[in-house]
Protein backbone atom coordinates (compact mmCIF):
# COMPACT_ATOMS: atom_id res chain seq x y z
CA MET A 1 -79.77 -15.57 12.34
CA GLU A 2 -81.13 -17.02 9.12
CA PRO A 3 -82.37 -14.48 6.66
CA ILE A 4 -86.05 -14.34 5.62
CA HIS A 5 -87.19 -13.69 2.08
CA TRP A 6 -87.57 -9.96 2.45
CA GLN A 7 -83.84 -9.51 3.26
CA TRP A 8 -83.01 -11.03 -0.13
CA LEU A 9 -85.65 -8.86 -1.82
CA LEU A 10 -84.22 -5.77 -0.12
CA ILE A 11 -80.62 -6.44 -1.21
CA THR A 12 -81.52 -7.30 -4.75
CA GLY A 13 -84.13 -4.60 -5.13
CA PHE A 14 -81.68 -1.94 -3.80
CA GLY A 15 -79.00 -3.05 -6.26
CA LEU A 16 -81.30 -3.17 -9.27
CA ALA A 17 -82.91 0.23 -8.43
CA PHE A 18 -79.49 1.92 -8.39
CA LEU A 19 -78.37 0.14 -11.54
CA PHE A 20 -81.39 1.73 -13.17
CA ALA A 21 -80.83 5.16 -11.58
CA ALA A 22 -77.15 5.42 -12.28
CA PRO A 23 -76.15 7.51 -15.25
CA LEU A 24 -74.13 5.97 -18.10
CA SER A 25 -70.67 7.60 -18.45
CA ARG A 26 -69.12 7.54 -21.86
CA THR A 27 -66.25 9.98 -21.39
CA VAL A 28 -63.15 9.96 -19.26
CA ALA A 29 -64.16 13.22 -17.57
CA SER A 30 -67.51 11.83 -16.50
CA PHE A 31 -66.31 8.36 -15.51
CA PHE A 32 -63.21 9.46 -13.51
CA SER A 33 -64.05 13.04 -12.43
CA ALA A 34 -67.89 13.02 -12.17
CA ALA A 35 -68.26 15.85 -14.67
CA ALA A 36 -71.88 16.33 -15.98
CA GLY A 37 -72.66 16.22 -19.59
CA ASP A 38 -72.34 20.01 -19.93
CA GLY A 39 -69.15 20.06 -17.95
CA ARG A 40 -70.66 21.31 -14.66
CA GLN A 41 -68.87 20.44 -11.43
CA PRO A 42 -70.65 18.92 -8.40
CA GLY A 43 -72.16 21.56 -6.07
CA VAL A 44 -72.09 21.83 -2.28
CA PHE A 45 -75.03 19.47 -1.61
CA LEU A 46 -73.88 16.75 -3.98
CA LEU A 47 -70.25 16.89 -2.82
CA THR A 48 -71.10 17.05 0.92
CA SER A 49 -73.55 14.21 0.61
CA SER A 50 -70.97 12.09 -1.18
CA LEU A 51 -68.23 12.79 1.30
CA VAL A 52 -70.46 12.07 4.29
CA ILE A 53 -72.11 8.89 3.13
CA SER A 54 -68.83 7.57 1.57
CA TRP A 55 -67.32 7.77 5.07
CA ILE A 56 -70.27 6.48 6.93
CA PHE A 57 -69.16 2.99 6.09
CA ALA A 58 -71.15 -0.13 7.11
CA LYS A 59 -68.05 -1.00 9.23
CA SER A 60 -67.96 2.52 10.69
CA ILE A 61 -71.56 2.46 11.93
CA THR A 62 -71.03 -1.11 13.14
CA ASN A 63 -67.91 -0.04 15.02
CA ALA A 64 -69.73 3.01 16.42
CA ALA A 65 -72.55 0.88 17.71
CA ASN A 66 -70.10 -1.70 19.17
CA LEU A 67 -68.02 1.07 20.81
CA GLY A 68 -71.22 2.50 22.30
CA LEU A 69 -71.98 -0.94 23.71
CA SER A 70 -68.51 -1.15 25.19
CA PHE A 71 -67.88 2.37 26.44
CA GLY A 72 -71.13 4.35 26.23
CA ILE A 73 -71.09 7.86 24.85
CA VAL A 74 -67.23 7.92 25.21
CA GLY A 75 -67.01 5.23 22.54
CA GLY A 76 -69.28 7.13 20.24
CA VAL A 77 -67.40 10.35 20.54
CA ALA A 78 -64.08 8.51 20.16
CA TYR A 79 -65.09 7.08 16.79
CA ALA A 80 -66.93 10.23 15.64
CA ALA A 81 -63.67 12.20 16.19
CA TYR A 82 -62.23 10.59 13.15
CA TYR A 83 -64.58 12.89 11.11
CA LEU A 84 -62.34 15.83 12.14
CA SER A 85 -60.31 14.43 9.23
CA PHE A 86 -62.51 16.33 6.86
CA ILE A 87 -61.48 19.69 8.41
CA VAL A 88 -57.70 18.77 8.17
CA ALA A 89 -58.02 17.51 4.58
CA GLY A 90 -60.29 20.41 3.52
CA ILE A 91 -57.69 22.96 4.69
CA VAL A 92 -54.69 21.17 3.18
CA ILE A 93 -56.28 20.38 -0.12
CA TYR A 94 -57.54 23.93 -0.53
CA GLN A 95 -53.99 25.19 0.07
CA LEU A 96 -52.48 22.65 -2.33
CA ARG A 97 -54.83 23.78 -5.05
CA VAL A 98 -54.92 27.57 -4.46
CA LYS A 99 -51.44 28.25 -3.15
CA GLY A 100 -49.52 25.35 -4.58
CA GLY A 101 -51.28 25.07 -7.93
CA PHE A 102 -51.40 21.28 -7.74
CA GLY A 103 -54.15 19.33 -9.62
CA SER A 104 -54.10 16.17 -7.51
CA ILE A 105 -52.38 14.51 -4.57
CA HIS A 106 -50.25 12.56 -7.01
CA ASP A 107 -49.30 15.72 -8.81
CA PHE A 108 -48.01 17.23 -5.49
CA LEU A 109 -46.08 14.12 -4.48
CA ALA A 110 -44.40 13.69 -7.91
CA SER A 111 -43.40 17.36 -7.90
CA ARG A 112 -41.97 17.39 -4.40
CA PHE A 113 -40.74 13.93 -3.70
CA GLY A 114 -40.37 12.11 -7.01
CA HIS A 115 -41.82 9.06 -8.75
CA ALA A 116 -40.80 6.60 -6.09
CA ALA A 117 -42.83 8.52 -3.54
CA VAL A 118 -45.88 8.25 -5.80
CA ILE A 119 -45.51 4.48 -5.96
CA VAL A 120 -45.15 4.09 -2.18
CA PHE A 121 -48.14 6.35 -1.62
CA SER A 122 -50.22 4.45 -4.23
CA LEU A 123 -49.43 1.15 -2.48
CA LEU A 124 -50.80 2.68 0.80
CA VAL A 125 -53.87 3.99 -0.94
CA GLY A 126 -54.47 0.66 -2.71
CA PHE A 127 -54.15 -1.17 0.70
CA ARG A 128 -56.77 1.17 2.15
CA LEU A 129 -59.20 0.70 -0.71
CA TYR A 130 -58.66 -3.03 -0.61
CA ASN A 131 -59.64 -3.02 3.10
CA GLU A 132 -62.77 -1.10 2.31
CA VAL A 133 -64.18 -3.85 0.11
CA TRP A 134 -64.02 -6.81 2.47
CA SER A 135 -64.53 -4.90 5.73
CA ASN A 136 -67.87 -3.39 4.53
CA THR A 137 -69.25 -6.46 2.74
CA MET A 138 -68.53 -8.62 5.87
CA VAL A 139 -71.03 -6.36 7.77
CA ILE A 140 -73.73 -7.16 5.17
CA GLY A 141 -73.01 -10.81 5.50
CA SER A 142 -73.51 -10.74 9.25
CA TYR A 143 -77.13 -9.83 8.76
CA PHE A 144 -77.83 -12.89 6.61
CA GLY A 145 -76.08 -15.57 8.64
CA GLU A 146 -73.22 -16.62 10.92
CA ALA A 147 -69.75 -15.96 9.58
CA GLY A 148 -68.80 -18.94 7.37
CA SER A 149 -72.33 -19.96 6.60
CA THR A 150 -73.67 -20.41 3.06
CA ASN A 151 -76.12 -17.39 3.41
CA TYR A 152 -73.26 -15.22 4.81
CA TYR A 153 -71.11 -15.82 1.71
CA TRP A 154 -73.91 -15.68 -0.85
CA SER A 155 -75.24 -12.32 0.53
CA ILE A 156 -71.72 -10.85 0.25
CA LEU A 157 -71.18 -12.04 -3.32
CA VAL A 158 -74.67 -10.88 -4.46
CA PHE A 159 -74.29 -7.45 -2.75
CA THR A 160 -70.78 -6.93 -4.24
CA ALA A 161 -71.89 -7.90 -7.72
CA LEU A 162 -74.92 -5.57 -7.73
CA THR A 163 -72.93 -2.61 -6.38
CA LEU A 164 -70.16 -3.29 -8.94
CA ALA A 165 -72.81 -3.35 -11.70
CA TYR A 166 -74.09 0.14 -11.13
CA THR A 167 -70.63 1.53 -10.58
CA LEU A 168 -69.39 0.05 -13.79
CA LYS A 169 -72.20 1.95 -15.55
CA GLY A 170 -71.09 5.44 -14.56
CA GLY A 171 -67.84 5.41 -12.53
CA LEU A 172 -67.39 8.30 -10.14
CA ARG A 173 -70.45 10.09 -11.68
CA SER A 174 -72.62 7.15 -10.67
CA SER A 175 -71.04 7.13 -7.20
CA LEU A 176 -71.74 10.79 -6.53
CA LEU A 177 -75.35 10.76 -7.73
CA THR A 178 -76.25 7.62 -5.92
CA ASP A 179 -74.45 8.87 -2.82
CA ALA A 180 -76.86 11.81 -2.61
CA ILE A 181 -79.81 9.42 -2.66
CA GLN A 182 -78.15 7.19 -0.11
CA MET A 183 -77.35 10.14 2.16
CA VAL A 184 -81.03 11.16 2.33
CA LEU A 185 -82.08 7.54 2.86
CA PHE A 186 -79.54 7.13 5.66
CA GLY A 187 -80.71 10.34 7.41
CA VAL A 188 -84.38 9.18 7.32
CA LEU A 189 -83.52 5.68 8.49
CA LEU A 190 -81.24 6.92 11.33
CA PHE A 191 -84.04 9.07 12.77
CA ILE A 192 -86.45 6.10 12.48
CA VAL A 193 -84.03 3.99 14.53
CA LEU A 194 -83.69 6.79 17.18
CA GLY A 195 -87.47 7.02 17.30
CA LEU A 196 -87.60 3.31 18.09
CA ILE A 197 -84.97 3.23 20.77
CA LEU A 198 -85.23 6.52 22.62
CA PRO A 199 -88.81 6.12 23.86
CA ASN A 200 -87.88 2.58 25.09
CA THR A 201 -85.06 3.84 27.25
CA GLU A 202 -85.63 4.86 30.86
CA GLY A 203 -84.29 8.40 31.31
CA GLY A 204 -84.44 9.19 27.59
CA VAL A 205 -81.57 11.06 26.02
CA THR A 206 -80.02 11.82 29.40
CA THR A 207 -79.23 8.12 29.87
CA TYR A 208 -77.28 8.17 26.57
CA LEU A 209 -75.43 11.40 27.29
CA GLN A 210 -74.33 10.22 30.76
CA SER A 211 -73.36 6.74 29.78
CA GLY A 212 -69.72 5.63 30.03
CA GLU A 213 -66.76 6.93 32.03
CA TRP A 214 -64.30 9.53 30.72
CA ARG A 215 -61.22 7.44 31.60
CA LEU A 216 -58.30 6.23 29.47
CA ALA A 217 -59.25 2.56 29.86
CA ASP A 218 -62.91 3.23 28.99
CA GLY A 219 -62.61 4.67 25.52
CA VAL A 220 -60.49 7.79 26.02
CA ASN A 221 -57.47 5.88 24.68
CA LEU A 222 -59.22 5.54 21.34
CA LEU A 223 -60.30 9.16 21.36
CA LEU A 224 -56.68 10.31 21.72
CA VAL A 225 -55.71 7.98 18.91
CA ALA A 226 -58.27 9.66 16.70
CA PHE A 227 -56.84 13.10 17.50
CA ILE A 228 -53.45 11.86 16.42
CA GLN A 229 -54.49 10.06 13.27
CA VAL A 230 -56.75 12.78 11.83
CA PHE A 231 -53.58 14.57 10.69
CA SER A 232 -52.50 11.67 8.50
CA TYR A 233 -55.52 9.33 8.01
CA PRO A 234 -57.45 11.31 5.45
CA PHE A 235 -54.58 11.61 2.98
CA HIS A 236 -54.35 7.88 2.27
CA ASP A 237 -58.13 7.75 1.61
CA SER A 238 -58.57 8.49 -2.05
CA VAL A 239 -62.32 8.20 -1.63
CA MET A 240 -62.03 11.48 0.23
CA THR A 241 -59.18 13.13 -1.57
CA ASP A 242 -60.46 12.36 -5.11
CA ARG A 243 -63.51 14.45 -4.18
CA GLY A 244 -61.21 17.33 -3.19
CA PHE A 245 -60.32 18.04 -6.84
CA ILE A 246 -63.51 17.71 -8.76
CA SER A 247 -65.21 21.04 -7.75
CA ASP A 248 -63.89 24.58 -7.43
CA PRO A 249 -61.67 25.17 -4.36
CA ALA A 250 -64.27 27.32 -2.45
CA THR A 251 -67.08 24.79 -2.91
CA THR A 252 -64.71 21.98 -1.97
CA ARG A 253 -63.55 23.60 1.30
CA LYS A 254 -67.12 24.44 2.31
CA SER A 255 -68.28 20.86 1.54
CA PHE A 256 -65.44 19.33 3.57
CA PHE A 257 -66.22 21.47 6.59
CA LEU A 258 -69.90 20.65 6.38
CA ALA A 259 -69.13 16.98 5.96
CA ALA A 260 -67.12 17.07 9.23
CA VAL A 261 -70.05 18.35 11.20
CA VAL A 262 -72.71 16.15 9.58
CA GLY A 263 -70.49 13.03 9.76
CA PHE A 264 -69.55 13.57 13.39
CA PHE A 265 -73.20 13.74 14.52
CA CYS A 266 -74.34 10.86 12.33
CA ILE A 267 -71.75 8.56 13.84
CA LEU A 268 -72.36 9.82 17.36
CA LEU A 269 -76.14 9.33 17.05
CA PHE A 270 -75.69 5.80 15.66
CA SER A 271 -73.58 4.90 18.70
CA PHE A 272 -76.82 5.30 20.61
CA VAL A 273 -77.76 1.85 19.20
CA GLY A 274 -74.89 0.36 21.08
CA ILE A 275 -75.74 2.30 24.23
CA TYR A 276 -79.33 0.96 23.98
CA ALA A 277 -77.91 -2.53 23.68
CA GLN A 278 -75.87 -1.88 26.81
CA THR A 279 -78.98 -0.79 28.77
CA LYS A 280 -80.64 -4.07 27.68
CA GLY A 281 -77.74 -6.25 28.66
CA LEU A 282 -77.04 -7.43 25.14
CA ASN A 283 -73.80 -8.87 23.95
CA GLY A 284 -72.23 -9.44 20.52
CA GLN A 285 -72.54 -7.16 17.51
CA ALA A 286 -74.74 -4.33 18.85
CA ALA A 287 -76.67 -3.39 15.76
CA VAL A 288 -77.48 -6.97 14.88
CA GLU A 289 -78.57 -7.82 18.49
CA VAL A 290 -80.73 -4.72 18.73
CA SER A 291 -82.49 -5.44 15.46
CA LYS A 292 -83.24 -9.01 16.69
CA ILE A 293 -85.20 -7.82 19.79
CA MET A 294 -87.09 -4.97 18.12
CA GLY A 295 -89.05 -6.98 15.59
CA VAL A 296 -89.16 -7.34 11.81
CA GLY A 297 -89.81 -3.61 11.24
CA ALA A 298 -86.67 -2.53 13.12
CA MET A 299 -84.68 -5.30 11.45
CA LEU A 300 -85.83 -4.06 8.06
CA VAL A 301 -84.64 -0.50 8.85
CA MET A 302 -81.27 -1.73 10.21
CA ASN A 303 -80.75 -3.86 7.20
CA PHE A 304 -81.50 -0.92 4.95
CA ILE A 305 -79.13 1.32 6.81
CA MET A 306 -76.31 -1.20 6.50
CA ILE A 307 -77.02 -1.76 2.74
CA THR A 308 -77.08 1.92 2.09
CA SER A 309 -73.85 2.72 3.95
CA ALA A 310 -71.92 -0.27 2.62
CA ALA A 311 -73.01 0.35 -0.99
CA SER A 312 -71.94 4.01 -0.89
CA THR A 313 -68.51 3.10 0.37
CA LEU A 314 -68.12 0.18 -1.90
CA ASP A 315 -68.99 2.06 -5.08
CA SER A 316 -66.62 4.89 -4.06
CA ALA A 317 -63.85 2.39 -3.44
CA PHE A 318 -64.32 0.86 -6.91
CA ALA A 319 -64.34 4.33 -8.52
CA SER A 320 -61.23 5.43 -6.62
CA ALA A 321 -59.35 2.21 -7.37
CA SER A 322 -60.18 2.70 -11.05
CA LYS A 323 -58.89 6.23 -11.03
CA LEU A 324 -55.78 5.29 -9.10
CA PHE A 325 -54.61 2.69 -11.57
CA VAL A 326 -55.83 4.22 -14.83
CA ILE A 327 -55.42 8.01 -14.28
CA ASP A 328 -52.95 8.48 -11.36
CA LEU A 329 -50.64 5.68 -12.35
CA GLY A 330 -51.53 5.05 -16.01
CA LYS A 331 -50.05 6.49 -19.16
CA PRO A 332 -52.15 9.11 -21.00
CA GLU A 333 -52.75 6.80 -23.98
CA ASN A 334 -54.15 4.15 -21.62
CA GLN A 335 -56.63 6.40 -19.75
CA THR A 336 -59.91 4.95 -21.07
CA VAL A 337 -63.26 4.17 -19.64
CA SER A 338 -62.97 0.51 -20.63
CA ARG A 339 -59.73 0.10 -18.63
CA GLY A 340 -61.38 1.75 -15.69
CA ARG A 341 -64.20 -0.78 -15.78
CA TRP A 342 -61.82 -3.76 -15.96
CA VAL A 343 -59.86 -2.41 -12.94
CA MET A 344 -63.16 -2.26 -10.98
CA VAL A 345 -63.90 -5.93 -11.81
CA LEU A 346 -60.49 -7.12 -10.82
CA PHE A 347 -60.52 -5.06 -7.62
CA ALA A 348 -63.90 -6.42 -6.63
CA VAL A 349 -62.67 -9.98 -6.98
CA ALA A 350 -59.44 -9.38 -5.09
CA GLY A 351 -61.17 -7.39 -2.38
CA THR A 352 -63.74 -10.14 -1.73
CA LEU A 353 -61.11 -12.87 -1.05
CA PRO A 354 -60.31 -11.88 2.58
CA ILE A 355 -63.86 -12.66 3.74
CA PHE A 356 -62.99 -16.33 3.54
CA PHE A 357 -60.24 -15.74 6.20
CA ASN A 358 -62.40 -13.98 8.87
CA PRO A 359 -60.31 -10.80 9.42
CA GLU A 360 -61.16 -8.26 12.14
CA ILE A 361 -63.28 -5.36 10.95
CA LEU A 362 -62.01 -2.74 13.36
CA SER A 363 -58.41 -3.54 12.42
CA ALA A 364 -59.07 -2.27 8.90
CA THR A 365 -59.25 1.22 10.43
CA THR A 366 -56.80 1.23 13.42
CA VAL A 367 -53.95 -0.63 11.74
CA SER A 368 -54.10 1.14 8.43
CA GLY A 369 -54.41 4.43 10.35
CA THR A 370 -51.17 3.64 12.22
CA MET A 371 -49.37 2.60 9.04
CA VAL A 372 -49.84 6.10 7.53
CA LEU A 373 -48.69 8.22 10.46
CA GLY A 374 -45.79 9.32 8.28
CA LEU A 375 -48.15 11.13 5.86
CA ALA A 376 -48.90 13.81 8.53
CA PRO A 377 -45.66 15.77 8.12
CA VAL A 378 -45.69 15.26 4.35
CA PHE A 379 -48.98 17.08 3.98
CA ILE A 380 -49.26 19.33 7.05
CA PHE A 381 -45.80 20.84 6.15
CA TRP A 382 -46.38 20.74 2.47
CA LYS A 383 -44.90 24.18 1.94
CA LEU A 384 -41.47 23.00 3.06
CA ARG A 385 -39.21 22.04 0.16
CA ALA A 386 -38.33 18.66 1.72
CA GLY A 387 -36.64 16.07 -0.39
CA PRO A 388 -37.43 12.40 -1.14
CA TRP A 389 -35.50 11.18 1.96
CA SER A 390 -37.88 13.03 4.18
CA PHE A 391 -40.88 11.40 2.58
CA HIS A 392 -39.50 7.84 2.55
CA LEU A 393 -38.09 7.86 6.08
CA ALA A 394 -41.20 9.31 7.65
CA VAL A 395 -43.63 7.15 5.76
CA GLY A 396 -41.40 4.13 6.34
CA ALA A 397 -41.46 4.76 10.08
CA GLY A 398 -45.23 4.76 10.02
CA ILE A 399 -45.43 1.54 8.06
CA ILE A 400 -43.15 -0.17 10.57
CA ALA A 401 -45.24 1.13 13.47
CA GLY A 402 -48.39 -0.28 11.84
CA LEU A 403 -46.78 -3.68 11.20
CA VAL A 404 -45.47 -3.87 14.77
CA LEU A 405 -48.99 -3.30 15.96
CA ALA A 406 -50.60 -5.62 13.45
CA PHE A 407 -48.38 -8.54 14.40
CA GLY A 408 -48.55 -7.95 18.13
CA LEU A 409 -44.76 -7.29 18.36
CA PHE A 410 -44.96 -4.30 20.70
CA PRO A 411 -43.87 -5.40 24.22
CA ASN A 412 -46.66 -5.17 26.83
CA GLU A 413 -44.23 -3.76 29.39
CA TRP A 414 -43.64 -0.77 27.15
CA VAL A 415 -47.39 0.19 26.96
CA TRP A 416 -47.87 3.53 28.74
CA PHE A 417 -51.67 3.48 29.08
CA PRO A 418 -54.09 1.08 30.89
CA GLY A 419 -56.90 -0.79 29.35
CA LYS A 420 -58.09 -1.51 25.77
CA TYR A 421 -56.31 0.53 23.05
CA GLY A 422 -53.47 1.36 25.50
CA ASP A 423 -51.00 -0.35 23.12
CA LEU A 424 -52.61 1.44 20.08
CA LEU A 425 -52.22 4.87 21.67
CA THR A 426 -48.63 4.16 22.84
CA VAL A 427 -47.57 3.03 19.35
CA ASN A 428 -49.23 5.97 17.73
CA ILE A 429 -47.47 8.51 20.02
CA LEU A 430 -44.08 6.86 19.51
CA GLY A 431 -44.69 6.40 15.81
CA THR A 432 -45.68 10.05 15.37
CA ILE A 433 -42.58 11.26 17.21
CA ALA A 434 -40.41 9.03 15.03
CA CYS A 435 -42.13 10.13 11.79
CA LEU A 436 -41.65 13.84 12.63
CA ILE A 437 -37.97 13.36 13.51
CA LEU A 438 -37.24 11.38 10.38
CA PHE A 439 -39.07 13.89 8.23
CA PHE A 440 -37.23 16.93 9.56
CA VAL A 441 -33.68 15.48 9.96
CA PRO A 442 -33.01 15.14 6.17
CA PHE A 443 -34.66 18.55 5.58
CA ILE A 444 -32.44 20.27 8.27
CA ALA A 445 -29.34 18.47 6.97
CA GLN A 446 -30.13 19.56 3.42
CA LYS A 447 -30.49 23.21 4.58
CA THR A 448 -27.21 23.18 6.56
CA ASN A 449 -25.12 21.78 3.70
């Protein structure tokens, strides 16, 4: 699909508009913590909007549509279930702040498990943020040309540069304020898309709700994986957790709970695009194929949705990477806005390199989600005075499980469940059991000595 001129106008116009709209941050508090000029913290609407749209990645809605195409409503529910992560994170972060008195995730880890744990955790967070760059910009490229084509690469480079530009201007403050605009745009565009496809489907909404089979091999495997990973997945996502410490605890908890509900239904509704593609007998990337058959107007809307969702995640990834290296890992004397901007630039360059090697988009979620299974006991049982060995053994077991899955080393004869994602579910169950055992064994041994 070769892009026409309005696609380039859309992507450049979007980037330049947000560059103009983004506030200029001059202070560390504004750039890294999104504080307003008068010191006010983000309210419920701003924080909820930012949480939701930052997690409605371009790759997420692409995956939701593709899973709808493959498994019907079951695929949509399976992917939307990951948004229960907000409830888990909201409860734990609230307790860490109110009952534990901790000011950040890194503060908690350093206090309980030591500096080495902070380094290991930061590597996991960095890997996650790194994945967010290429996996979202690849989606944008797919609307401009075939993977590997000149238009594909140029669209990614232009989009990344424009998003980086407005994020450099205001850091996390820019990210939150533009997120609110992007959330409103996404909501409007989503309902336009639904208005285009629902009337053209025989049986209407009933067809969508009755699509798919609730069987392990037909999407339930992935749903069960989501139920497992929501207890660990959110804690390695600094895009989410950074927002857990910038408003008062009550506002934060309310925003996280609202984000779970709004995010779940946004993803579920977008999976309808894939179900529509299924009813039309389409193959390939569902959102792209649907936009092709519905005319220029629908293609414009779909492009705008992808640009909106990708930009919101990309600017958040840049802001979180900047905070990770300058604030969380940096020395107090080096915590400056200029250093934060340089980190963003370097991160953008490094995060763009994988697009030249055609990695799998869905693997950015499922593999990294498996690698951090060991974080579940660390945060769910945060009140326990477990030592460094509990952290390192549990987290190490999760990393090994993720690597086994990533390199296809898990024997097929050991897979417990049939169909697609059967290996993923098996590894996640075994990995979770291993992580729990390795977390509690040093703790129990410590108590008995």
